[in-house]
Protein backbone atom coordinates (compact mmCIF):
# COMPACT_ATOMS: atom_id res chain seq x y z
CA MET A 1 0.16 0.03 0.06
CA SER A 2 1.22 3.27 -0.70
CA GLY A 3 2.75 5.41 1.62
CA VAL A 4 0.27 8.41 1.56
CA PHE A 5 -2.35 5.57 2.90
CA TYR A 6 -0.71 5.01 6.77
CA GLN A 7 0.23 1.12 7.55
CA ASN A 8 -1.60 1.70 10.78
CA PHE A 9 -4.22 3.52 11.86
CA LYS A 10 -2.77 5.69 14.95
CA ARG A 11 -5.67 7.59 14.85
CA HIS A 12 -8.72 5.06 14.70
CA ALA A 13 -9.13 2.60 17.95
CA HIS A 14 -5.37 4.00 18.84
CA GLY A 15 -4.20 1.86 15.91
CA GLU A 16 -4.79 -1.53 18.69
CA GLY A 17 -6.00 -4.61 16.95
CA LEU A 18 -8.08 -5.21 13.81
CA LYS A 19 -9.27 -1.06 13.69
CA GLY A 20 -5.62 -0.29 13.43
CA HIS A 21 -5.27 -1.68 10.35
CA SER A 22 -9.04 -0.98 8.86
CA THR A 23 -11.09 1.78 7.39
CA HIS A 24 -14.36 2.34 9.14
CA TYR A 25 -16.45 2.23 6.66
CA CYS A 26 -18.86 -0.32 5.73
CA ALA A 27 -18.07 -3.23 3.77
CA GLY A 28 -18.83 -2.89 -0.36
CA CYS A 29 -17.95 1.24 0.51
CA GLY A 30 -16.64 3.11 -2.53
CA HIS A 31 -14.87 5.27 -0.11
CA GLY A 32 -11.72 2.90 0.52
CA VAL A 33 -11.35 1.85 -3.11
CA ILE A 34 -11.47 5.95 -3.70
CA HIS A 35 -9.15 6.53 -1.13
CA ARG A 36 -6.78 3.56 -2.08
CA ASP A 37 -6.48 5.19 -5.39
CA LEU A 38 -6.37 8.67 -4.40
CA ALA A 39 -3.03 7.85 -1.83
CA GLU A 40 -1.56 6.11 -4.64
CA VAL A 41 -2.01 9.05 -7.34
CA ILE A 42 -0.24 11.19 -4.90
CA GLU A 43 2.36 8.97 -3.81
CA LYS A 44 3.09 8.91 -8.21
CA LEU A 45 3.21 12.28 -8.81
CA GLY A 46 5.48 12.40 -5.59
CA LEU A 47 3.48 15.51 -4.04
CA GLN A 48 2.92 13.61 -0.09
CA ASP A 49 4.50 16.66 0.92
CA ARG A 50 2.40 18.95 -0.93
CA ALA A 51 -1.01 17.69 -0.49
CA ILE A 52 -3.46 18.97 1.80
CA LEU A 53 -7.02 16.67 2.05
CA VAL A 54 -9.57 18.85 2.95
CA SER A 55 -12.33 16.41 4.06
CA PRO A 56 -16.09 16.97 5.03
CA VAL A 57 -18.76 16.36 7.18
CA GLY A 58 -19.86 12.85 6.04
CA CYS A 59 -18.70 9.32 6.06
CA ALA A 60 -15.78 10.39 5.09
CA VAL A 61 -14.98 12.94 8.01
CA PHE A 62 -12.40 10.71 9.44
CA ALA A 63 -10.26 10.82 6.22
CA PHE A 64 -7.47 12.69 8.13
CA PHE A 65 -7.12 8.94 10.17
CA TYR A 66 -5.99 7.14 7.40
CA PHE A 67 -3.51 9.89 4.29
CA ASN A 68 -0.38 10.85 5.47
CA VAL A 69 -0.86 14.20 4.43
CA GLY A 70 -1.30 17.15 5.81
CA ASN A 71 -5.26 17.31 6.51
CA THR A 72 -8.18 19.56 8.04
CA GLN A 73 -11.75 18.92 8.46
CA ALA A 74 -13.82 21.88 7.19
CA ALA A 75 -17.33 22.35 8.65
CA HIS A 76 -20.17 20.96 6.77
CA GLY A 77 -20.44 22.50 3.55
CA ARG A 78 -17.27 24.92 4.00
CA ALA A 79 -14.41 22.47 2.39
CA PRO A 80 -14.63 24.98 -0.98
CA ALA A 81 -14.19 28.29 1.34
CA VAL A 82 -11.31 26.10 3.18
CA ALA A 83 -9.38 25.10 0.15
CA ILE A 84 -9.27 28.60 -0.85
CA GLY A 85 -7.35 29.63 2.04
CA HIS A 86 -5.30 27.01 1.84
CA LYS A 87 -4.50 27.39 -1.69
CA LEU A 88 -3.91 31.38 -1.38
CA ALA A 89 -2.18 31.03 1.37
CA ASN A 90 0.22 28.22 -0.20
CA PRO A 91 -0.18 28.58 -3.36
CA ASP A 92 2.85 25.72 -4.41
CA SER A 93 0.05 23.44 -2.23
CA VAL A 94 -2.19 20.74 -3.95
CA VAL A 95 -5.33 21.33 -2.00
CA ILE A 96 -8.01 17.80 -2.25
CA CYS A 97 -11.74 18.66 -1.52
CA TYR A 98 -12.71 15.36 -0.59
CA GLN A 99 -16.86 15.72 -0.06
CA GLY A 100 -19.87 13.55 -0.53
CA ASP A 101 -23.55 14.58 -1.68
CA GLY A 102 -24.97 15.82 1.04
CA ASP A 103 -21.49 18.17 2.10
CA LEU A 104 -21.21 18.93 -1.60
CA ALA A 105 -24.43 19.37 -3.06
CA SER A 106 -27.05 20.22 -0.34
CA ILE A 107 -25.56 22.53 2.46
CA GLY A 108 -22.14 23.34 0.87
CA LEU A 109 -23.81 24.28 -2.62
CA ALA A 110 -23.20 27.95 -3.04
CA GLU A 111 -19.63 26.86 -1.84
CA THR A 112 -19.24 24.64 -4.43
CA ILE A 113 -20.43 26.96 -7.26
CA SER A 114 -18.36 29.86 -6.21
CA THR A 115 -15.34 27.88 -5.78
CA ALA A 116 -15.64 26.65 -9.31
CA GLN A 117 -16.48 29.47 -10.90
CA MET A 118 -13.59 31.23 -8.94
CA GLY A 119 -11.60 28.58 -10.67
CA LEU A 120 -9.04 29.00 -8.87
CA PRO A 121 -6.35 25.29 -9.69
CA LEU A 122 -8.62 23.03 -7.11
CA THR A 123 -9.27 18.91 -7.57
CA VAL A 124 -12.81 17.95 -5.87
CA ILE A 125 -13.47 14.16 -5.34
CA PHE A 126 -16.99 14.32 -5.11
CA VAL A 127 -17.94 10.39 -4.11
CA ASN A 128 -21.75 10.01 -5.44
CA ASN A 129 -24.05 7.50 -3.68
CA ALA A 130 -27.17 8.59 -4.03
CA ILE A 131 -27.91 8.40 -0.20
CA TYR A 132 -27.07 10.30 3.04
CA GLY A 133 -25.12 7.51 4.28
CA MET A 134 -23.62 8.84 7.42
CA THR A 135 -26.61 10.29 9.33
CA GLY A 136 -29.46 7.10 8.96
CA GLY A 137 -30.06 7.07 4.59
CA GLN A 138 -32.30 10.13 4.91
CA LEU A 139 -32.77 11.75 1.04
CA ALA A 140 -29.81 13.62 -0.71
CA PRO A 141 -29.73 16.04 -3.98
CA THR A 142 -28.79 13.05 -5.29
CA THR A 143 -31.55 10.30 -4.42
CA LEU A 144 -32.64 8.79 -8.17
CA MET A 145 -36.69 9.31 -8.33
CA GLY A 146 -38.80 6.56 -7.01
CA GLN A 147 -35.65 5.67 -4.67
CA LYS A 148 -36.82 4.60 -0.84
CA THR A 149 -35.21 6.41 1.95
CA SER A 150 -35.61 7.09 5.72
CA THR A 151 -36.74 10.26 4.88
CA SER A 152 -38.65 9.39 1.64
CA PRO A 153 -40.07 5.54 1.97
CA ASP A 154 -42.03 5.58 -0.88
CA GLY A 155 -39.40 6.87 -3.03
CA ARG A 156 -38.13 10.47 -4.18
CA THR A 157 -41.39 11.88 -6.10
CA PRO A 158 -41.51 15.13 -8.23
CA ALA A 159 -42.79 16.80 -5.48
CA MET A 160 -39.66 16.15 -3.69
CA GLY A 161 -37.58 17.71 -6.24
CA GLN A 162 -35.28 16.17 -9.58
CA PRO A 163 -32.11 14.87 -8.65
CA LEU A 164 -28.80 17.44 -9.19
CA LYS A 165 -26.58 15.89 -12.10
CA MET A 166 -23.85 18.19 -10.24
CA ALA A 167 -20.98 17.35 -12.83
CA GLU A 168 -23.89 18.74 -15.38
CA LEU A 169 -23.76 21.50 -13.54
CA ILE A 170 -20.60 22.39 -12.67
CA ALA A 171 -19.37 21.95 -16.28
CA SER A 172 -21.90 24.88 -17.76
CA LEU A 173 -19.56 27.13 -15.82
CA ASP A 174 -16.68 28.98 -16.86
CA GLY A 175 -14.30 28.42 -14.05
CA PRO A 176 -13.41 24.85 -14.06
CA VAL A 177 -10.71 23.69 -16.39
CA TYR A 178 -11.70 19.30 -16.56
CA VAL A 179 -15.55 17.59 -15.30
CA GLU A 180 -15.48 13.60 -15.39
CA ARG A 181 -18.44 11.06 -14.41
CA VAL A 182 -16.95 7.95 -13.19
CA ALA A 183 -17.89 4.74 -11.28
CA LEU A 184 -16.52 2.30 -10.17
CA TYR A 185 -18.73 -0.83 -10.51
CA ASP A 186 -15.91 -3.02 -12.26
CA ALA A 187 -12.33 -3.20 -12.56
CA LYS A 188 -12.35 -1.07 -16.55
CA ASN A 189 -13.81 1.90 -14.67
CA ARG A 190 -12.09 1.78 -11.36
CA VAL A 191 -9.00 2.31 -13.83
CA LYS A 192 -10.79 4.43 -15.23
CA ALA A 193 -11.28 6.60 -11.99
CA ARG A 194 -7.99 6.64 -10.86
CA LYS A 195 -6.42 7.88 -13.86
CA ALA A 196 -9.01 11.16 -14.39
CA ILE A 197 -8.31 11.68 -10.46
CA THR A 198 -4.51 11.46 -11.94
CA LYS A 199 -5.64 14.16 -14.55
CA ALA A 200 -7.32 16.26 -11.83
CA ILE A 201 -4.37 16.49 -9.90
CA LYS A 202 -2.18 17.02 -12.40
CA LEU A 203 -3.57 20.02 -13.85
CA GLN A 204 -3.42 21.95 -10.76
CA GLU A 205 0.16 20.79 -10.17
CA GLU A 206 0.55 22.97 -13.27
CA GLY A 207 -1.17 25.69 -12.44
CA ARG A 208 -4.21 24.88 -15.18
CA GLY A 209 -7.52 25.21 -12.84
CA TYR A 210 -10.13 24.10 -11.20
CA ALA A 211 -10.99 20.22 -11.87
CA PHE A 212 -13.70 18.42 -11.06
CA ILE A 213 -14.24 14.53 -10.76
CA GLU A 214 -17.67 12.90 -9.54
CA ILE A 215 -17.34 9.36 -9.11
CA LEU A 216 -20.92 6.92 -8.41
CA SER A 217 -20.36 5.08 -5.67
CA GLU A 218 -21.85 1.78 -3.87
CA CYS A 219 -23.41 2.37 -0.02
CA PRO A 220 -25.05 -1.41 0.43
CA THR A 221 -25.12 -0.66 3.95
CA HIS A 222 -28.07 2.03 3.00
CA LEU A 223 -29.36 0.24 -0.44
CA LYS A 224 -29.75 -2.84 1.70
CA LEU A 225 -27.96 -4.71 -1.04
CA SER A 226 -24.66 -7.40 -0.71
CA PRO A 227 -21.55 -5.28 -1.81
CA VAL A 228 -22.03 -7.24 -5.92
CA GLU A 229 -25.63 -6.39 -5.96
CA ALA A 230 -25.61 -2.28 -5.01
CA GLU A 231 -22.29 -2.71 -7.66
CA GLN A 232 -25.01 -3.90 -10.56
CA TRP A 233 -27.46 -0.91 -9.19
CA VAL A 234 -24.64 1.14 -9.69
CA LYS A 235 -24.39 0.60 -13.13
CA GLU A 236 -28.68 -0.28 -13.62
CA LYS A 237 -29.91 2.64 -11.73
CA MET A 238 -27.43 5.78 -11.24
CA GLU A 239 -25.39 5.69 -14.41
CA PRO A 240 -28.58 6.31 -17.05
CA ILE A 241 -29.19 9.06 -14.81
CA TYR A 242 -25.61 10.00 -14.14
CA PRO A 243 -24.33 9.15 -17.46
CA LEU A 244 -20.42 8.74 -17.12
CA GLY A 245 -17.62 10.43 -19.48
CA VAL A 246 -15.60 13.98 -19.71
CA LYS A 247 -18.84 16.73 -19.43
CA LYS A 248 -15.31 19.06 -19.77
CA ASP A 249 -11.80 19.09 -21.08
CA LEU A 250 -9.82 22.55 -21.76
CA VAL A 251 -6.98 23.04 -23.37
CA ARG A 252 -5.75 26.15 -20.79
CA GLU A 253 -2.05 27.06 -20.40
CA PRO A 254 -0.39 27.37 -16.43
CA TRP A 255 -1.82 30.49 -15.26
CA PHE A 256 -1.53 30.17 -11.28
CA LYS A 257 1.64 31.50 -10.42
CA PRO A 258 1.33 33.78 -7.91
CA ALA A 259 3.87 35.05 -5.38
CA PRO A 260 3.98 33.51 -1.80
CA PRO A 261 1.74 36.18 0.59
CA ARG A 262 3.57 38.37 2.39
CA PHE A 263 2.05 39.25 5.99
CA GLU A 264 4.24 42.10 6.98
CA PRO A 265 1.70 45.26 8.40
CA GLU A 266 3.35 47.87 6.63
CA GLU A 267 2.18 45.70 2.94
CA ILE A 268 -0.74 44.62 3.89
CA LEU A 269 -1.84 48.33 4.71
CA GLY A 270 -0.51 50.12 1.46
CA TYR A 271 -2.86 46.86 -0.14
CA CYS A 272 -5.97 48.36 1.16
CA GLY A 273 -5.07 51.82 0.20
CA ALA A 274 -3.88 53.33 4.02
CA ASP A 275 -1.54 54.82 5.92
CA PRO A 276 1.33 52.42 7.03
CA ALA A 277 1.65 55.28 9.79
CA GLU A 278 -1.73 55.10 10.88
CA SER A 279 -1.35 51.71 12.15
CA LYS A 280 0.57 53.11 15.30
CA ARG A 281 -1.47 52.96 18.25
CA ALA A 282 -1.59 54.93 21.77
CA SER A 283 -0.11 52.46 24.12
CA THR A 284 0.40 48.83 24.71
CA SER A 285 1.03 49.23 28.30
CA TRP A 286 -1.45 46.69 30.24
CA PRO A 287 -3.58 48.92 33.61
CA PRO A 288 -1.53 47.79 36.52
CA HIS A 289 -3.92 46.97 38.44
CA LEU A 290 -5.71 44.14 36.40
CA ALA A 291 -3.78 40.93 37.27
CA LYS A 292 -5.17 39.23 34.16
CA ARG A 293 -4.13 40.02 30.77
CA ASP A 294 -6.87 38.36 29.05
CA LEU A 295 -10.79 40.22 30.09
CA SER A 296 -13.50 38.75 28.48
CA LEU A 297 -16.56 40.83 28.81
CA LYS A 298 -20.49 40.00 27.87
CA LEU A 299 -23.39 42.39 27.25
CA ALA A 300 -26.15 41.61 27.02
CA GLY A 301 -29.68 42.79 26.16
CA ALA A 302 -32.98 42.67 24.27
CA GLY A 303 -32.77 43.48 20.96
CA GLY A 304 -32.57 47.75 20.42
CA ASP A 305 -30.42 47.84 24.04
CA GLY A 306 -27.55 48.71 22.13
CA ALA A 307 -25.23 45.66 23.45
CA GLN A 308 -23.82 44.83 20.00
CA THR A 309 -22.55 48.46 19.38
CA ALA A 310 -21.35 48.99 22.68
CA ALA A 311 -19.63 45.84 22.56
CA LEU A 312 -18.00 46.93 18.80
CA LEU A 313 -16.82 49.91 20.18
CA LEU A 314 -15.67 48.61 23.36
CA ALA A 315 -13.47 46.09 20.56
CA ARG A 316 -11.94 48.87 18.43
CA ALA A 317 -11.19 51.19 21.61
CA ALA A 318 -9.23 48.15 22.44
CA ILE A 319 -7.78 47.69 19.05
CA ALA A 320 -6.99 51.39 19.28
CA GLN A 321 -4.67 51.44 22.60
CA GLY A 322 -2.65 48.46 21.27
CA PHE A 323 -4.41 45.79 22.44
CA ASP A 324 -5.79 41.71 20.90
CA ALA A 325 -9.45 42.60 21.16
CA THR A 326 -12.28 40.37 19.53
CA HIS A 327 -15.87 40.87 19.06
CA ILE A 328 -18.83 37.82 18.27
CA PRO A 329 -22.43 39.19 18.40
CA SER A 330 -25.01 36.49 19.22
CA TYR A 331 -28.24 37.28 17.93
CA GLY A 332 -31.20 35.48 19.68
CA PRO A 333 -34.72 34.93 17.74
CA GLU A 334 -35.91 37.72 20.12
CA SER A 335 -36.87 41.65 17.95
CA ARG A 336 -37.70 42.49 22.01
CA GLY A 337 -37.93 41.20 25.51
CA GLY A 338 -35.89 38.29 25.04
CA THR A 339 -31.77 38.53 25.45
CA SER A 340 -29.06 39.13 22.40
CA TYR A 341 -25.56 39.41 23.68
CA ALA A 342 -21.81 40.04 22.84
CA ASP A 343 -18.87 38.42 23.64
CA VAL A 344 -15.30 40.66 24.07
CA HIS A 345 -12.16 39.90 24.90
CA ILE A 346 -9.26 42.30 25.42
CA ALA A 347 -5.89 41.08 25.92
CA SER A 348 -2.79 42.12 26.43
CA HIS A 349 -0.75 40.60 23.83
CA GLU A 350 -3.00 38.15 21.95
CA VAL A 351 -6.61 36.81 22.59
CA LEU A 352 -6.35 33.13 22.47
CA ASN A 353 -10.11 31.89 22.64
CA PRO A 354 -12.64 34.56 21.53
CA ALA A 355 -15.91 33.70 23.19
CA ALA A 356 -16.86 33.77 26.81
CA PRO A 357 -18.96 31.43 28.06
CA ALA A 358 -18.08 32.09 31.78
CA PRO A 359 -16.80 36.68 31.73
CA ASP A 360 -15.00 38.41 33.61
CA ILE A 361 -17.77 40.66 33.40
CA LEU A 362 -21.08 41.22 32.77
CA VAL A 363 -23.17 44.27 31.43
CA ALA A 364 -26.82 42.74 31.35
CA PHE A 365 -29.49 46.20 30.16
CA ASN A 366 -32.70 43.90 30.76
CA ALA A 367 -33.72 41.05 33.49
CA PRO A 368 -33.32 37.85 31.27
CA SER A 369 -30.20 39.15 30.08
CA LEU A 370 -28.98 39.09 33.89
CA ALA A 371 -31.04 36.25 35.11
CA LYS A 372 -28.99 33.95 32.25
CA PHE A 373 -26.03 35.29 32.75
CA ALA A 374 -24.99 36.99 36.31
CA PRO A 375 -24.43 33.19 36.92
CA THR A 376 -21.49 32.41 34.37
CA VAL A 377 -19.95 34.97 35.64
CA VAL A 378 -16.03 34.12 37.55
CA GLU A 379 -15.98 34.62 41.15
CA GLY A 380 -14.03 37.80 41.54
CA GLY A 381 -15.76 39.23 38.63
CA LEU A 382 -18.18 42.23 38.27
CA ILE A 383 -21.93 42.17 37.26
CA ILE A 384 -22.90 45.88 35.90
CA TYR A 385 -27.02 45.80 35.42
CA ASP A 386 -29.50 48.33 34.53
CA SER A 387 -31.45 48.98 37.89
CA THR A 388 -34.17 51.49 36.19
CA LEU A 389 -35.56 47.93 34.53
CA ILE A 390 -34.16 45.53 37.10
CA PRO A 391 -35.36 47.03 40.48
CA ALA A 392 -35.40 43.63 42.37
CA PRO A 393 -32.84 41.58 41.09
CA GLY A 394 -33.27 38.88 43.30
CA PRO A 395 -29.63 36.73 45.20
CA MET A 396 -26.72 37.37 43.09
CA PRO A 397 -23.96 34.69 42.74
CA ALA A 398 -21.44 35.27 45.74
CA GLY A 399 -17.85 36.47 45.27
CA ARG A 400 -19.13 38.65 42.79
CA GLN A 401 -19.11 42.82 42.82
CA VAL A 402 -22.41 43.95 41.82
CA LEU A 403 -23.03 47.43 40.82
CA PRO A 404 -26.67 48.41 39.80
CA VAL A 405 -26.30 51.56 37.71
CA PRO A 406 -29.66 53.37 36.04
CA LEU A 407 -28.83 53.24 32.71
CA SER A 408 -31.90 53.55 30.88
CA LEU A 409 -33.06 56.65 34.08
CA LEU A 410 -29.66 58.86 33.26
CA ALA A 411 -30.47 57.73 28.93
CA ALA A 412 -33.94 59.23 29.69
CA ASN A 413 -32.96 62.57 31.91
CA LEU A 414 -30.69 63.33 28.28
CA GLY A 415 -34.20 63.17 26.74
CA ARG A 416 -31.98 59.82 24.28
CA PRO A 417 -33.49 56.78 25.64
CA VAL A 418 -31.48 55.33 22.84
CA VAL A 419 -27.89 56.08 24.15
CA LYS A 420 -28.06 54.00 27.31
CA ASN A 421 -25.47 51.56 25.82
CA VAL A 422 -23.45 55.08 25.66
CA VAL A 423 -23.80 55.17 29.51
CA ALA A 424 -23.05 51.76 30.07
CA LEU A 425 -19.63 51.95 28.39
CA GLY A 426 -18.82 55.27 30.87
CA ALA A 427 -19.49 53.06 33.68
CA LEU A 428 -17.81 50.29 32.61
CA GLN A 429 -14.87 52.35 32.60
CA ALA A 430 -14.95 53.95 35.96
CA ALA A 431 -15.58 50.63 37.40
CA THR A 432 -12.71 49.04 36.03
CA GLU A 433 -10.81 51.68 33.97
CA LEU A 434 -9.35 48.57 31.91
CA LEU A 435 -9.74 51.20 29.07
CA PRO A 436 -9.18 55.31 29.09
CA ALA A 437 -12.12 57.61 28.98
CA ALA A 438 -10.08 58.97 26.42
CA ALA A 439 -9.82 56.56 23.94
CA LEU A 440 -13.50 55.07 24.67
CA LEU A 441 -14.33 58.42 23.28
CA ALA A 442 -12.09 59.12 20.57
CA THR A 443 -13.54 55.54 19.24
CA LEU A 444 -16.65 57.24 19.69
CA ARG A 445 -15.92 60.07 18.16
CA HIS A 446 -14.38 58.59 14.62
CA VAL A 447 -17.74 55.98 14.88
CA LEU A 448 -19.39 59.45 14.46
CA LYS A 449 -17.89 61.90 12.65
CA ASP A 450 -20.13 61.70 10.07
CA LYS A 451 -23.42 62.78 12.46
CA ALA A 452 -21.79 65.17 14.64
CA ALA A 453 -24.93 66.51 15.65
CA LEU A 454 -25.08 63.20 17.91
CA LEU A 455 -21.54 63.71 19.66
CA PRO A 456 -22.46 65.71 22.87
CA LEU A 457 -25.27 63.97 23.39
CA ASN A 458 -23.12 60.63 23.74
CA GLU A 459 -20.71 62.24 25.70
CA ALA A 460 -23.49 63.53 28.02
CA ALA A 461 -24.36 60.28 28.33
CA PHE A 462 -20.41 58.42 28.19
CA LEU A 463 -20.03 61.38 31.37
CA ALA A 464 -23.18 60.42 33.28
CA GLY A 465 -22.29 56.84 33.24
CA GLN A 466 -18.80 57.35 34.59
CA GLN A 467 -20.31 59.69 37.24
CA ALA A 468 -22.78 57.02 38.81
CA VAL A 469 -20.35 54.92 39.24
CA THR A 470 -16.85 55.50 42.34
CA PRO A 471 -14.43 54.78 40.06
CA VAL A 472 -11.61 52.39 40.57
CA GLY A 473 -8.98 53.38 44.19
CA ALA A 474 -11.26 55.12 44.95
């Protein structure tokens, strides 16, 4: 067996026993044949050290158990997007997307088509077995008319749509250079399949363009057939709907010869038309009174409370100060009355995890947000909540500093209740001094540079929030 294919699958059952020497695929499954051929082609072409296999969510999800090449596990349907990233970040790599019909032709259809039309030299191996194999034999985009599945027990009907002919669809685009459909049901066709895979990878290696190989594959388990019967089913039932052969084969001169990407900040800013001098930040001195070097914050409220805007302002101000900062918004289904939140991390050097499941600081604009997130605040953390809307918050977790601030009332006194999020920023700044007030105000002025009339109101709101809280060390 090829050196590209591990002799002992140490990731599979720790490489012990029979499972350490056999794949997880069902008997008669086409994936094993395709894996063998793909590994031998990579070795024959001498590409092992350059090959990157992007595996899908599907039966081949554990391809990294078996292939001794670079491996990336993509989110469901997102293999083409991941492949683009690999190819552009490392143009000398040979990137192979290995996907099934659910991953490629259903949830990933948009990525599949847009990447094919882009035409970058990539190789896509599309395994079409006309069923959702991994998740229980449901109807797939490629399921045949009349074919019974767990979600079409009486057979696929016209109301469920016609089977997608992906090879023809991809061939109709301008981007691809080579598209072929092959099968595995006998020795002759397996030889053709290996030749198609070889050609598709060579076209990428030579920088000629995007190649798409659709492989009709057997799934004896969900067809409820023996391996031999499944091969016959593919020949007699699938092939008439999915005719084999080359669907597109263009002669295209090598064109993809980009220089390796550069990551120097000055060059990146230059590409964007920015002045590198503008990248200089105010300070990289972490506040000495803060023991932690990576603080996590959660700002939460109902839709319209401004939690997302406040979080974004906070992150931008932190970046302007020279810190690393991240902002992840999360919107609940409620437009009013429920809770949506944003996670913010601010670190002296680098944020390692942008999520904030256990925040150091919580700013809650409504009662549901306080009830939901207060118990998650770490011991020694800070909870700021709007006491106007939450006059009786109930028991708070012990060992946390709790600051009730009448955010809504202070905003209403200024004549604009919507600025309560800026009031909250002022209160947060006074309570923690995580960032200088001047930094937050500078960011606020930058954001409002085209709405100068609103600036005095927002500055007054920030000041009101500061004055409502006893400053650190006072």
